[in-house]
Amino acid sequence: MNHRSEEVKVLLEQLEKEHQEVLAKAVSEHQAILTKKEEESATAQRRIQEIEETLEQTRKEHEDAIARVISEHADTLKQKDKESLNSLHQTEEEYYNALTKLRNDHAEVLERQSLEASISLD
């Protein structure tokens, strides 16, 4: 029985040694995987931060561009309104000048016809 118990003891020691080796290897592999995952997570966090910063910068640039375009559009509208008013005033002035000339010409024609008619009657 001593011999048997000695064999069991040796076998247990051998199993315990193998178990410790396997456990140490598993812990080491787990630690390597955990370290790799932590590095990947840190890299992902940095990338997320970069993307958020880029997105914020792009949003700001977009807002600035829209504000600039709105301002330029308002300036263009003001300029076009001014040009339209000037054109309208010029057109009105030309119209009234032409109308006045037409009335004067017509009055002259009527005067001449009246004069000619009175000379004819005399």
PDB file of N, CA and C in Angstrom:
ATOM      1  N   MET A   1       0.802  -1.170   0.000  1.00  0.00           N
ATOM      2  CA  MET A   1       0.000   0.000   0.000  1.00  0.00           C
ATOM      3  C   MET A   1       0.860   1.255   0.000  1.00  0.00           C
ATOM      4  N   ASN A   2       1.942   1.212   0.633  1.00  0.00           N
ATOM      5  CA  ASN A   2       2.878   2.314   0.637  1.00  0.00           C
ATOM      6  C   ASN A   2       3.343   2.640  -0.769  1.00  0.00           C
ATOM      7  N   HIS A   3       3.574   1.595  -1.460  1.00  0.00           N
ATOM      8  CA  HIS A   3       4.027   1.758  -2.830  1.00  0.00           C
ATOM      9  C   HIS A   3       2.932   2.429  -3.659  1.00  0.00           C
ATOM     10  N   ARG A   4       1.744   1.994  -3.439  1.00  0.00           N
ATOM     11  CA  ARG A   4       0.582   2.540  -4.128  1.00  0.00           C
ATOM     12  C   ARG A   4       0.390   4.015  -3.752  1.00  0.00           C
ATOM     13  N   SER A   5       0.485   4.321  -2.510  1.00  0.00           N
ATOM     14  CA  SER A   5       0.314   5.690  -2.048  1.00  0.00           C
ATOM     15  C   SER A   5       1.448   6.561  -2.560  1.00  0.00           C
ATOM     16  N   GLU A   6       2.629   5.977  -2.713  1.00  0.00           N
ATOM     17  CA  GLU A   6       3.761   6.703  -3.272  1.00  0.00           C
ATOM     18  C   GLU A   6       3.483   7.015  -4.738  1.00  0.00           C
ATOM     19  N   GLU A   7       2.930   6.092  -5.486  1.00  0.00           N
ATOM     20  CA  GLU A   7       2.585   6.286  -6.889  1.00  0.00           C
ATOM     21  C   GLU A   7       1.504   7.370  -7.027  1.00  0.00           C
ATOM     22  N   VAL A   8       0.529   7.304  -6.141  1.00  0.00           N
ATOM     23  CA  VAL A   8      -0.548   8.291  -6.160  1.00  0.00           C
ATOM     24  C   VAL A   8       0.031   9.669  -5.854  1.00  0.00           C
ATOM     25  N   LYS A   9       0.928   9.720  -4.886  1.00  0.00           N
ATOM     26  CA  LYS A   9       1.538  10.991  -4.498  1.00  0.00           C
ATOM     27  C   LYS A   9       2.335  11.570  -5.666  1.00  0.00           C
ATOM     28  N   VAL A  10       3.113  10.749  -6.346  1.00  0.00           N
ATOM     29  CA  VAL A  10       3.916  11.177  -7.483  1.00  0.00           C
ATOM     30  C   VAL A  10       2.985  11.637  -8.612  1.00  0.00           C
ATOM     31  N   LEU A  11       1.939  10.846  -8.840  1.00  0.00           N
ATOM     32  CA  LEU A  11       0.978  11.189  -9.875  1.00  0.00           C
ATOM     33  C   LEU A  11       0.282  12.512  -9.563  1.00  0.00           C
ATOM     34  N   LEU A  12      -0.098  12.701  -8.306  1.00  0.00           N
ATOM     35  CA  LEU A  12      -0.718  13.957  -7.892  1.00  0.00           C
ATOM     36  C   LEU A  12       0.246  15.125  -8.066  1.00  0.00           C
ATOM     37  N   GLU A  13       1.483  14.942  -7.712  1.00  0.00           N
ATOM     38  CA  GLU A  13       2.477  16.001  -7.866  1.00  0.00           C
ATOM     39  C   GLU A  13       2.669  16.335  -9.347  1.00  0.00           C
ATOM     40  N   GLN A  14       2.701  15.282 -10.148  1.00  0.00           N
ATOM     41  CA  GLN A  14       2.864  15.478 -11.590  1.00  0.00           C
ATOM     42  C   GLN A  14       1.635  16.209 -12.150  1.00  0.00           C
ATOM     43  N   LEU A  15       0.447  15.790 -11.741  1.00  0.00           N
ATOM     44  CA  LEU A  15      -0.778  16.438 -12.200  1.00  0.00           C
ATOM     45  C   LEU A  15      -0.844  17.893 -11.725  1.00  0.00           C
ATOM     46  N   GLU A  16      -0.426  18.104 -10.491  1.00  0.00           N
ATOM     47  CA  GLU A  16      -0.429  19.462  -9.952  1.00  0.00           C
ATOM     48  C   GLU A  16       0.564  20.338 -10.726  1.00  0.00           C
ATOM     49  N   LYS A  17       1.726  19.766 -11.062  1.00  0.00           N
ATOM     50  CA  LYS A  17       2.730  20.508 -11.824  1.00  0.00           C
ATOM     51  C   LYS A  17       2.187  20.847 -13.211  1.00  0.00           C
ATOM     52  N   GLU A  18       1.578  19.856 -13.878  1.00  0.00           N
ATOM     53  CA  GLU A  18       0.995  20.083 -15.202  1.00  0.00           C
ATOM     54  C   GLU A  18      -0.126  21.128 -15.116  1.00  0.00           C
ATOM     55  N   HIS A  19      -0.927  20.996 -14.057  1.00  0.00           N
ATOM     56  CA  HIS A  19      -2.021  21.938 -13.856  1.00  0.00           C
ATOM     57  C   HIS A  19      -1.466  23.360 -13.674  1.00  0.00           C
ATOM     58  N   GLN A  20      -0.428  23.531 -12.908  1.00  0.00           N
ATOM     59  CA  GLN A  20       0.184  24.835 -12.677  1.00  0.00           C
ATOM     60  C   GLN A  20       0.751  25.398 -13.979  1.00  0.00           C
ATOM     61  N   GLU A  21       1.385  24.503 -14.766  1.00  0.00           N
ATOM     62  CA  GLU A  21       1.952  24.937 -16.042  1.00  0.00           C
ATOM     63  C   GLU A  21       0.840  25.397 -17.003  1.00  0.00           C
ATOM     64  N   VAL A  22      -0.223  24.565 -17.091  1.00  0.00           N
ATOM     65  CA  VAL A  22      -1.350  24.900 -17.975  1.00  0.00           C
ATOM     66  C   VAL A  22      -2.011  26.176 -17.489  1.00  0.00           C
ATOM     67  N   LEU A  23      -2.196  26.297 -16.172  1.00  0.00           N
ATOM     68  CA  LEU A  23      -2.811  27.490 -15.602  1.00  0.00           C
ATOM     69  C   LEU A  23      -1.934  28.721 -15.860  1.00  0.00           C
ATOM     70  N   ALA A  24      -0.638  28.591 -15.672  1.00  0.00           N
ATOM     71  CA  ALA A  24       0.278  29.701 -15.912  1.00  0.00           C
ATOM     72  C   ALA A  24       0.229  30.120 -17.392  1.00  0.00           C
ATOM     73  N   LYS A  25       0.185  29.123 -18.276  1.00  0.00           N
ATOM     74  CA  LYS A  25       0.108  29.411 -19.711  1.00  0.00           C
ATOM     75  C   LYS A  25      -1.217  30.114 -20.033  1.00  0.00           C
ATOM     76  N   ALA A  26      -2.318  29.623 -19.467  1.00  0.00           N
ATOM     77  CA  ALA A  26      -3.632  30.222 -19.708  1.00  0.00           C
ATOM     78  C   ALA A  26      -3.676  31.655 -19.179  1.00  0.00           C
ATOM     79  N   VAL A  27      -3.116  31.871 -17.994  1.00  0.00           N
ATOM     80  CA  VAL A  27      -3.080  33.219 -17.418  1.00  0.00           C
ATOM     81  C   VAL A  27      -2.238  34.135 -18.296  1.00  0.00           C
ATOM     82  N   SER A  28      -1.108  33.629 -18.758  1.00  0.00           N
ATOM     83  CA  SER A  28      -0.229  34.417 -19.621  1.00  0.00           C
ATOM     84  C   SER A  28      -0.930  34.777 -20.930  1.00  0.00           C
ATOM     85  N   GLU A  29      -1.592  33.786 -21.556  1.00  0.00           N
ATOM     86  CA  GLU A  29      -2.330  34.029 -22.795  1.00  0.00           C
ATOM     87  C   GLU A  29      -3.477  35.021 -22.555  1.00  0.00           C
ATOM     88  N   HIS A  30      -4.172  34.831 -21.442  1.00  0.00           N
ATOM     89  CA  HIS A  30      -5.270  35.724 -21.098  1.00  0.00           C
ATOM     90  C   HIS A  30      -4.758  37.152 -20.899  1.00  0.00           C
ATOM     91  N   GLN A  31      -3.620  37.267 -20.214  1.00  0.00           N
ATOM     92  CA  GLN A  31      -3.038  38.594 -19.977  1.00  0.00           C
ATOM     93  C   GLN A  31      -2.621  39.234 -21.297  1.00  0.00           C
ATOM     94  N   ALA A  32      -2.065  38.434 -22.219  1.00  0.00           N
ATOM     95  CA  ALA A  32      -1.662  38.955 -23.525  1.00  0.00           C
ATOM     96  C   ALA A  32      -2.894  39.428 -24.306  1.00  0.00           C
ATOM     97  N   ILE A  33      -3.958  38.629 -24.273  1.00  0.00           N
ATOM     98  CA  ILE A  33      -5.198  39.005 -24.957  1.00  0.00           C
ATOM     99  C   ILE A  33      -5.779  40.263 -24.322  1.00  0.00           C
ATOM    100  N   LEU A  34      -5.798  40.311 -23.003  1.00  0.00           N
ATOM    101  CA  LEU A  34      -6.319  41.469 -22.289  1.00  0.00           C
ATOM    102  C   LEU A  34      -5.508  42.718 -22.623  1.00  0.00           C
ATOM    103  N   THR A  35      -4.196  42.604 -22.641  1.00  0.00           N
ATOM    104  CA  THR A  35      -3.326  43.727 -22.987  1.00  0.00           C
ATOM    105  C   THR A  35      -3.605  44.197 -24.412  1.00  0.00           C
ATOM    106  N   LYS A  36      -3.733  43.226 -25.331  1.00  0.00           N
ATOM    107  CA  LYS A  36      -4.023  43.556 -26.715  1.00  0.00           C
ATOM    108  C   LYS A  36      -5.378  44.257 -26.818  1.00  0.00           C
ATOM    109  N   LYS A  37      -6.388  43.762 -26.114  1.00  0.00           N
ATOM    110  CA  LYS A  37      -7.725  44.378 -26.141  1.00  0.00           C
ATOM    111  C   LYS A  37      -7.683  45.789 -25.538  1.00  0.00           C
ATOM    112  N   GLU A  38      -6.908  45.961 -24.475  1.00  0.00           N
ATOM    113  CA  GLU A  38      -6.772  47.296 -23.879  1.00  0.00           C
ATOM    114  C   GLU A  38      -6.113  48.261 -24.859  1.00  0.00           C
ATOM    115  N   GLU A  39      -5.087  47.783 -25.577  1.00  0.00           N
ATOM    116  CA  GLU A  39      -4.424  48.620 -26.581  1.00  0.00           C
ATOM    117  C   GLU A  39      -5.392  48.964 -27.717  1.00  0.00           C
ATOM    118  N   GLU A  40      -6.160  47.960 -28.166  1.00  0.00           N
ATOM    119  CA  GLU A  40      -7.145  48.192 -29.221  1.00  0.00           C
ATOM    120  C   GLU A  40      -8.209  49.183 -28.757  1.00  0.00           C
ATOM    121  N   SER A  41      -8.619  49.032 -27.491  1.00  0.00           N
ATOM    122  CA  SER A  41      -9.624  49.945 -26.942  1.00  0.00           C
ATOM    123  C   SER A  41      -9.072  51.366 -26.866  1.00  0.00           C
ATOM    124  N   ALA A  42      -7.828  51.500 -26.420  1.00  0.00           N
ATOM    125  CA  ALA A  42      -7.206  52.822 -26.337  1.00  0.00           C
ATOM    126  C   ALA A  42      -7.079  53.430 -27.735  1.00  0.00           C
ATOM    127  N   THR A  43      -6.681  52.619 -28.703  1.00  0.00           N
ATOM    128  CA  THR A  43      -6.574  53.084 -30.085  1.00  0.00           C
ATOM    129  C   THR A  43      -7.947  53.513 -30.603  1.00  0.00           C
ATOM    130  N   ALA A  44      -8.961  52.695 -30.307  1.00  0.00           N
ATOM    131  CA  ALA A  44     -10.326  53.033 -30.735  1.00  0.00           C
ATOM    132  C   ALA A  44     -10.792  54.328 -30.066  1.00  0.00           C
ATOM    133  N   GLN A  45     -10.482  54.513 -28.809  1.00  0.00           N
ATOM    134  CA  GLN A  45     -10.862  55.737 -28.100  1.00  0.00           C
ATOM    135  C   GLN A  45     -10.172  56.960 -28.709  1.00  0.00           C
ATOM    136  N   ARG A  46      -8.895  56.814 -29.035  1.00  0.00           N
ATOM    137  CA  ARG A  46      -8.178  57.918 -29.685  1.00  0.00           C
ATOM    138  C   ARG A  46      -8.800  58.225 -31.039  1.00  0.00           C
ATOM    139  N   ARG A  47      -9.133  57.183 -31.773  1.00  0.00           N
ATOM    140  CA  ARG A  47      -9.741  57.358 -33.099  1.00  0.00           C
ATOM    141  C   ARG A  47     -11.108  58.037 -32.973  1.00  0.00           C
ATOM    142  N   ILE A  48     -11.873  57.606 -31.990  1.00  0.00           N
ATOM    143  CA  ILE A  48     -13.184  58.232 -31.748  1.00  0.00           C
ATOM    144  C   ILE A  48     -12.991  59.710 -31.432  1.00  0.00           C
ATOM    145  N   GLN A  49     -12.009  60.011 -30.597  1.00  0.00           N
ATOM    146  CA  GLN A  49     -11.734  61.407 -30.245  1.00  0.00           C
ATOM    147  C   GLN A  49     -11.336  62.208 -31.482  1.00  0.00           C
ATOM    148  N   GLU A  50     -10.482  61.616 -32.323  1.00  0.00           N
ATOM    149  CA  GLU A  50     -10.071  62.290 -33.560  1.00  0.00           C
ATOM    150  C   GLU A  50     -11.279  62.538 -34.468  1.00  0.00           C
ATOM    151  N   ILE A  51     -12.136  61.531 -34.585  1.00  0.00           N
ATOM    152  CA  ILE A  51     -13.331  61.656 -35.431  1.00  0.00           C
ATOM    153  C   ILE A  51     -14.255  62.726 -34.880  1.00  0.00           C
ATOM    154  N   GLU A  52     -14.440  62.737 -33.566  1.00  0.00           N
ATOM    155  CA  GLU A  52     -15.292  63.758 -32.953  1.00  0.00           C
ATOM    156  C   GLU A  52     -14.719  65.157 -33.186  1.00  0.00           C
ATOM    157  N   GLU A  53     -13.399  65.298 -33.058  1.00  0.00           N
ATOM    158  CA  GLU A  53     -12.764  66.588 -33.305  1.00  0.00           C
ATOM    159  C   GLU A  53     -12.923  67.000 -34.773  1.00  0.00           C
ATOM    160  N   THR A  54     -12.720  66.043 -35.671  1.00  0.00           N
ATOM    161  CA  THR A  54     -12.883  66.317 -37.099  1.00  0.00           C
ATOM    162  C   THR A  54     -14.330  66.697 -37.403  1.00  0.00           C
ATOM    163  N   LEU A  55     -15.254  65.966 -36.820  1.00  0.00           N
ATOM    164  CA  LEU A  55     -16.675  66.258 -37.012  1.00  0.00           C
ATOM    165  C   LEU A  55     -17.014  67.651 -36.490  1.00  0.00           C
ATOM    166  N   GLU A  56     -16.504  67.997 -35.326  1.00  0.00           N
ATOM    167  CA  GLU A  56     -16.763  69.324 -34.751  1.00  0.00           C
ATOM    168  C   GLU A  56     -16.159  70.411 -35.633  1.00  0.00           C
ATOM    169  N   GLN A  57     -14.945  70.183 -36.116  1.00  0.00           N
ATOM    170  CA  GLN A  57     -14.298  71.156 -36.997  1.00  0.00           C
ATOM    171  C   GLN A  57     -15.088  71.293 -38.298  1.00  0.00           C
ATOM    172  N   THR A  58     -15.526  70.179 -38.850  1.00  0.00           N
ATOM    173  CA  THR A  58     -16.308  70.202 -40.083  1.00  0.00           C
ATOM    174  C   THR A  58     -17.636  70.920 -39.864  1.00  0.00           C
ATOM    175  N   ARG A  59     -18.288  70.665 -38.720  1.00  0.00           N
ATOM    176  CA  ARG A  59     -19.545  71.328 -38.395  1.00  0.00           C
ATOM    177  C   ARG A  59     -19.331  72.837 -38.311  1.00  0.00           C
ATOM    178  N   LYS A  60     -18.238  73.241 -37.653  1.00  0.00           N
ATOM    179  CA  LYS A  60     -17.925  74.670 -37.505  1.00  0.00           C
ATOM    180  C   LYS A  60     -17.663  75.292 -38.876  1.00  0.00           C
ATOM    181  N   GLU A  61     -16.879  74.614 -39.708  1.00  0.00           N
ATOM    182  CA  GLU A  61     -16.589  75.120 -41.051  1.00  0.00           C
ATOM    183  C   GLU A  61     -17.876  75.236 -41.860  1.00  0.00           C
ATOM    184  N   HIS A  62     -18.748  74.243 -41.705  1.00  0.00           N
ATOM    185  CA  HIS A  62     -20.033  74.253 -42.411  1.00  0.00           C
ATOM    186  C   HIS A  62     -20.887  75.438 -41.952  1.00  0.00           C
ATOM    187  N   GLU A  63     -20.949  75.649 -40.657  1.00  0.00           N
ATOM    188  CA  GLU A  63     -21.712  76.784 -40.125  1.00  0.00           C
ATOM    189  C   GLU A  63     -21.140  78.105 -40.639  1.00  0.00           C
ATOM    190  N   ASP A  64     -19.811  78.216 -40.633  1.00  0.00           N
ATOM    191  CA  ASP A  64     -19.164  79.433 -41.130  1.00  0.00           C
ATOM    192  C   ASP A  64     -19.463  79.642 -42.612  1.00  0.00           C
ATOM    193  N   ALA A  65     -19.398  78.552 -43.382  1.00  0.00           N
ATOM    194  CA  ALA A  65     -19.666  78.650 -44.819  1.00  0.00           C
ATOM    195  C   ALA A  65     -21.111  79.066 -45.069  1.00  0.00           C
ATOM    196  N   ILE A  66     -22.036  78.480 -44.320  1.00  0.00           N
ATOM    197  CA  ILE A  66     -23.448  78.841 -44.485  1.00  0.00           C
ATOM    198  C   ILE A  66     -23.666  80.299 -44.103  1.00  0.00           C
ATOM    199  N   ALA A  67     -23.069  80.729 -43.012  1.00  0.00           N
ATOM    200  CA  ALA A  67     -23.207  82.128 -42.591  1.00  0.00           C
ATOM    201  C   ALA A  67     -22.640  83.060 -43.660  1.00  0.00           C
ATOM    202  N   ARG A  68     -21.503  82.685 -44.228  1.00  0.00           N
ATOM    203  CA  ARG A  68     -20.879  83.506 -45.269  1.00  0.00           C
ATOM    204  C   ARG A  68     -21.773  83.556 -46.514  1.00  0.00           C
ATOM    205  N   VAL A  69     -22.307  82.412 -46.912  1.00  0.00           N
ATOM    206  CA  VAL A  69     -23.169  82.366 -48.095  1.00  0.00           C
ATOM    207  C   VAL A  69     -24.443  83.177 -47.863  1.00  0.00           C
ATOM    208  N   ILE A  70     -25.018  83.067 -46.674  1.00  0.00           N
ATOM    209  CA  ILE A  70     -26.225  83.847 -46.356  1.00  0.00           C
ATOM    210  C   ILE A  70     -25.916  85.338 -46.412  1.00  0.00           C
ATOM    211  N   SER A  71     -24.782  85.716 -45.858  1.00  0.00           N
ATOM    212  CA  SER A  71     -24.380  87.127 -45.885  1.00  0.00           C
ATOM    213  C   SER A  71     -24.155  87.604 -47.316  1.00  0.00           C
ATOM    214  N   GLU A  72     -23.448  86.807 -48.092  1.00  0.00           N
ATOM    215  CA  GLU A  72     -23.196  87.170 -49.491  1.00  0.00           C
ATOM    216  C   GLU A  72     -24.510  87.250 -50.261  1.00  0.00           C
ATOM    217  N   HIS A  73     -25.418  86.333 -49.975  1.00  0.00           N
ATOM    218  CA  HIS A  73     -26.717  86.339 -50.649  1.00  0.00           C
ATOM    219  C   HIS A  73     -27.494  87.608 -50.287  1.00  0.00           C
ATOM    220  N   ALA A  74     -27.476  87.969 -49.017  1.00  0.00           N
ATOM    221  CA  ALA A  74     -28.168  89.191 -48.586  1.00  0.00           C
ATOM    222  C   ALA A  74     -27.557  90.411 -49.277  1.00  0.00           C
ATOM    223  N   ASP A  75     -26.221  90.445 -49.350  1.00  0.00           N
ATOM    224  CA  ASP A  75     -25.554  91.562 -50.038  1.00  0.00           C
ATOM    225  C   ASP A  75     -25.936  91.601 -51.519  1.00  0.00           C
ATOM    226  N   THR A  76     -25.979  90.429 -52.141  1.00  0.00           N
ATOM    227  CA  THR A  76     -26.350  90.344 -53.553  1.00  0.00           C
ATOM    228  C   THR A  76     -27.786  90.820 -53.755  1.00  0.00           C
ATOM    229  N   LEU A  77     -28.684  90.399 -52.859  1.00  0.00           N
ATOM    230  CA  LEU A  77     -30.077  90.848 -52.962  1.00  0.00           C
ATOM    231  C   LEU A  77     -30.181  92.360 -52.820  1.00  0.00           C
ATOM    232  N   LYS A  78     -29.451  92.928 -51.865  1.00  0.00           N
ATOM    233  CA  LYS A  78     -29.460  94.380 -51.696  1.00  0.00           C
ATOM    234  C   LYS A  78     -28.963  95.065 -52.966  1.00  0.00           C
ATOM    235  N   GLN A  79     -27.882  94.544 -53.523  1.00  0.00           N
ATOM    236  CA  GLN A  79     -27.319  95.123 -54.744  1.00  0.00           C
ATOM    237  C   GLN A  79     -28.313  95.015 -55.898  1.00  0.00           C
ATOM    238  N   LYS A  80     -28.947  93.854 -56.044  1.00  0.00           N
ATOM    239  CA  LYS A  80     -29.924  93.667 -57.115  1.00  0.00           C
ATOM    240  C   LYS A  80     -31.133  94.581 -56.912  1.00  0.00           C
ATOM    241  N   ASP A  81     -31.581  94.726 -55.662  1.00  0.00           N
ATOM    242  CA  ASP A  81     -32.686  95.644 -55.378  1.00  0.00           C
ATOM    243  C   ASP A  81     -32.315  97.074 -55.767  1.00  0.00           C
ATOM    244  N   LYS A  82     -31.095  97.472 -55.423  1.00  0.00           N
ATOM    245  CA  LYS A  82     -30.626  98.821 -55.761  1.00  0.00           C
ATOM    246  C   LYS A  82     -30.574  98.997 -57.275  1.00  0.00           C
ATOM    247  N   GLU A  83     -30.032  97.982 -57.968  1.00  0.00           N
ATOM    248  CA  GLU A  83     -29.956  98.045 -59.425  1.00  0.00           C
ATOM    249  C   GLU A  83     -31.360  98.102 -60.039  1.00  0.00           C
ATOM    250  N   SER A  84     -32.273  97.314 -59.486  1.00  0.00           N
ATOM    251  CA  SER A  84     -33.650  97.311 -59.993  1.00  0.00           C
ATOM    252  C   SER A  84     -34.306  98.658 -59.796  1.00  0.00           C
ATOM    253  N   LEU A  85     -34.112  99.253 -58.616  1.00  0.00           N
ATOM    254  CA  LEU A  85     -34.678 100.579 -58.352  1.00  0.00           C
ATOM    255  C   LEU A  85     -34.095 101.619 -59.308  1.00  0.00           C
ATOM    256  N   ASN A  86     -32.794 101.570 -59.493  1.00  0.00           N
ATOM    257  CA  ASN A  86     -32.154 102.509 -60.424  1.00  0.00           C
ATOM    258  C   ASN A  86     -32.703 102.321 -61.835  1.00  0.00           C
ATOM    259  N   SER A  87     -32.839 101.079 -62.243  1.00  0.00           N
ATOM    260  CA  SER A  87     -33.360 100.788 -63.570  1.00  0.00           C
ATOM    261  C   SER A  87     -34.809 101.265 -63.691  1.00  0.00           C
ATOM    262  N   LEU A  88     -35.599 101.032 -62.654  1.00  0.00           N
ATOM    263  CA  LEU A  88     -36.986 101.483 -62.653  1.00  0.00           C
ATOM    264  C   LEU A  88     -37.060 103.003 -62.752  1.00  0.00           C
ATOM    265  N   HIS A  89     -36.251 103.682 -61.949  1.00  0.00           N
ATOM    266  CA  HIS A  89     -36.237 105.147 -61.999  1.00  0.00           C
ATOM    267  C   HIS A  89     -35.824 105.648 -63.380  1.00  0.00           C
ATOM    268  N   GLN A  90     -34.815 105.016 -63.945  1.00  0.00           N
ATOM    269  CA  GLN A  90     -34.345 105.420 -65.274  1.00  0.00           C
ATOM    270  C   GLN A  90     -35.443 105.175 -66.305  1.00  0.00           C
ATOM    271  N   THR A  91     -36.096 104.018 -66.215  1.00  0.00           N
ATOM    272  CA  THR A  91     -37.168 103.693 -67.155  1.00  0.00           C
ATOM    273  C   THR A  91     -38.330 104.680 -67.013  1.00  0.00           C
ATOM    274  N   GLU A  92     -38.691 104.997 -65.772  1.00  0.00           N
ATOM    275  CA  GLU A  92     -39.763 105.972 -65.544  1.00  0.00           C
ATOM    276  C   GLU A  92     -39.392 107.333 -66.120  1.00  0.00           C
ATOM    277  N   GLU A  93     -38.156 107.743 -65.897  1.00  0.00           N
ATOM    278  CA  GLU A  93     -37.700 109.033 -66.407  1.00  0.00           C
ATOM    279  C   GLU A  93     -37.732 109.051 -67.930  1.00  0.00           C
ATOM    280  N   GLU A  94     -37.237 107.961 -68.547  1.00  0.00           N
ATOM    281  CA  GLU A  94     -37.254 107.871 -70.002  1.00  0.00           C
ATOM    282  C   GLU A  94     -38.698 107.884 -70.518  1.00  0.00           C
ATOM    283  N   TYR A  95     -39.580 107.183 -69.827  1.00  0.00           N
ATOM    284  CA  TYR A  95     -40.991 107.136 -70.216  1.00  0.00           C
ATOM    285  C   TYR A  95     -41.613 108.529 -70.156  1.00  0.00           C
ATOM    286  N   TYR A  96     -41.409 109.217 -69.038  1.00  0.00           N
ATOM    287  CA  TYR A  96     -41.996 110.550 -68.907  1.00  0.00           C
ATOM    288  C   TYR A  96     -41.374 111.546 -69.889  1.00  0.00           C
ATOM    289  N   ASN A  97     -40.088 111.431 -70.133  1.00  0.00           N
ATOM    290  CA  ASN A  97     -39.446 112.301 -71.136  1.00  0.00           C
ATOM    291  C   ASN A  97     -40.022 112.028 -72.517  1.00  0.00           C
ATOM    292  N   ALA A  98     -40.174 110.748 -72.862  1.00  0.00           N
ATOM    293  CA  ALA A  98     -40.745 110.393 -74.170  1.00  0.00           C
ATOM    294  C   ALA A  98     -42.196 110.848 -74.254  1.00  0.00           C
ATOM    295  N   LEU A  99     -42.958 110.668 -73.173  1.00  0.00           N
ATOM    296  CA  LEU A  99     -44.361 111.095 -73.151  1.00  0.00           C
ATOM    297  C   LEU A  99     -44.471 112.615 -73.306  1.00  0.00           C
ATOM    298  N   THR A 100     -43.602 113.333 -72.603  1.00  0.00           N
ATOM    299  CA  THR A 100     -43.590 114.794 -72.701  1.00  0.00           C
ATOM    300  C   THR A 100     -43.254 115.217 -74.123  1.00  0.00           C
ATOM    301  N   LYS A 101     -42.243 114.588 -74.727  1.00  0.00           N
ATOM    302  CA  LYS A 101     -41.865 114.910 -76.108  1.00  0.00           C
ATOM    303  C   LYS A 101     -43.018 114.601 -77.040  1.00  0.00           C
ATOM    304  N   LEU A 102     -43.661 113.456 -76.825  1.00  0.00           N
ATOM    305  CA  LEU A 102     -44.786 113.077 -77.670  1.00  0.00           C
ATOM    306  C   LEU A 102     -45.927 114.094 -77.540  1.00  0.00           C
ATOM    307  N   ARG A 103     -46.225 114.517 -76.331  1.00  0.00           N
ATOM    308  CA  ARG A 103     -47.277 115.516 -76.116  1.00  0.00           C
ATOM    309  C   ARG A 103     -46.907 116.844 -76.788  1.00  0.00           C
ATOM    310  N   ASN A 104     -45.648 117.251 -76.620  1.00  0.00           N
ATOM    311  CA  ASN A 104     -45.190 118.500 -77.241  1.00  0.00           C
ATOM    312  C   ASN A 104     -45.280 118.406 -78.760  1.00  0.00           C
ATOM    313  N   ASP A 105     -44.806 117.276 -79.295  1.00  0.00           N
ATOM    314  CA  ASP A 105     -44.877 117.082 -80.749  1.00  0.00           C
ATOM    315  C   ASP A 105     -46.331 117.104 -81.216  1.00  0.00           C
ATOM    316  N   HIS A 106     -47.180 116.432 -80.453  1.00  0.00           N
ATOM    317  CA  HIS A 106     -48.595 116.378 -80.807  1.00  0.00           C
ATOM    318  C   HIS A 106     -49.218 117.784 -80.727  1.00  0.00           C
ATOM    319  N   ALA A 107     -48.869 118.533 -79.691  1.00  0.00           N
ATOM    320  CA  ALA A 107     -49.387 119.907 -79.553  1.00  0.00           C
ATOM    321  C   ALA A 107     -48.908 120.766 -80.713  1.00  0.00           C
ATOM    322  N   GLU A 108     -47.635 120.598 -81.130  1.00  0.00           N
ATOM    323  CA  GLU A 108     -47.115 121.356 -82.262  1.00  0.00           C
ATOM    324  C   GLU A 108     -47.876 121.009 -83.542  1.00  0.00           C
ATOM    325  N   VAL A 109     -48.118 119.718 -83.721  1.00  0.00           N
ATOM    326  CA  VAL A 109     -48.859 119.281 -84.911  1.00  0.00           C
ATOM    327  C   VAL A 109     -50.255 119.881 -84.896  1.00  0.00           C
ATOM    328  N   LEU A 110     -50.903 119.824 -83.728  1.00  0.00           N
ATOM    329  CA  LEU A 110     -52.251 120.399 -83.625  1.00  0.00           C
ATOM    330  C   LEU A 110     -52.224 121.895 -83.892  1.00  0.00           C
ATOM    331  N   GLU A 111     -51.227 122.600 -83.373  1.00  0.00           N
ATOM    332  CA  GLU A 111     -51.092 124.043 -83.607  1.00  0.00           C
ATOM    333  C   GLU A 111     -50.913 124.326 -85.089  1.00  0.00           C
ATOM    334  N   ARG A 112     -50.029 123.550 -85.712  1.00  0.00           N
ATOM    335  CA  ARG A 112     -49.745 123.735 -87.128  1.00  0.00           C
ATOM    336  C   ARG A 112     -51.003 123.461 -87.952  1.00  0.00           C
ATOM    337  N   GLN A 113     -51.710 122.385 -87.615  1.00  0.00           N
ATOM    338  CA  GLN A 113     -52.939 122.052 -88.337  1.00  0.00           C
ATOM    339  C   GLN A 113     -53.989 123.155 -88.130  1.00  0.00           C
ATOM    340  N   SER A 114     -54.058 123.639 -86.909  1.00  0.00           N
ATOM    341  CA  SER A 114     -55.010 124.698 -86.595  1.00  0.00           C
ATOM    342  C   SER A 114     -54.659 125.956 -87.385  1.00  0.00           C
ATOM    343  N   LEU A 115     -53.355 126.281 -87.420  1.00  0.00           N
ATOM    344  CA  LEU A 115     -52.901 127.437 -88.160  1.00  0.00           C
ATOM    345  C   LEU A 115     -53.190 127.271 -89.653  1.00  0.00           C
ATOM    346  N   GLU A 116     -52.889 126.105 -90.159  1.00  0.00           N
ATOM    347  CA  GLU A 116     -53.127 125.826 -91.587  1.00  0.00           C
ATOM    348  C   GLU A 116     -54.611 125.881 -91.888  1.00  0.00           C
ATOM    349  N   ALA A 117     -55.406 125.375 -90.979  1.00  0.00           N
ATOM    350  CA  ALA A 117     -56.870 125.394 -91.199  1.00  0.00           C
ATOM    351  C   ALA A 117     -57.378 126.842 -91.177  1.00  0.00           C
ATOM    352  N   SER A 118     -56.842 127.651 -90.293  1.00  0.00           N
ATOM    353  CA  SER A 118     -57.311 129.032 -90.228  1.00  0.00           C
ATOM    354  C   SER A 118     -56.842 129.802 -91.434  1.00  0.00           C
ATOM    355  N   ILE A 119     -55.629 129.508 -91.950  1.00  0.00           N
ATOM    356  CA  ILE A 119     -55.139 130.167 -93.169  1.00  0.00           C
ATOM    357  C   ILE A 119     -56.003 129.733 -94.336  1.00  0.00           C
ATOM    358  N   SER A 120     -56.382 128.492 -94.385  1.00  0.00           N
ATOM    359  CA  SER A 120     -57.217 127.973 -95.466  1.00  0.00           C
ATOM    360  C   SER A 120     -58.574 128.634 -95.449  1.00  0.00           C
ATOM    361  N   LEU A 121     -59.069 128.884 -94.311  1.00  0.00           N
ATOM    362  CA  LEU A 121     -60.404 129.473 -94.185  1.00  0.00           C
ATOM    363  C   LEU A 121     -60.358 130.941 -94.532  1.00  0.00           C
ATOM    364  N   ASP A 122     -59.299 131.542 -94.366  1.00  0.00           N
ATOM    365  CA  ASP A 122     -59.217 132.986 -94.655  1.00  0.00           C
ATOM    366  C   ASP A 122     -59.066 133.156 -96.095  1.00  0.00           C
TER     367      ASP A 122
END
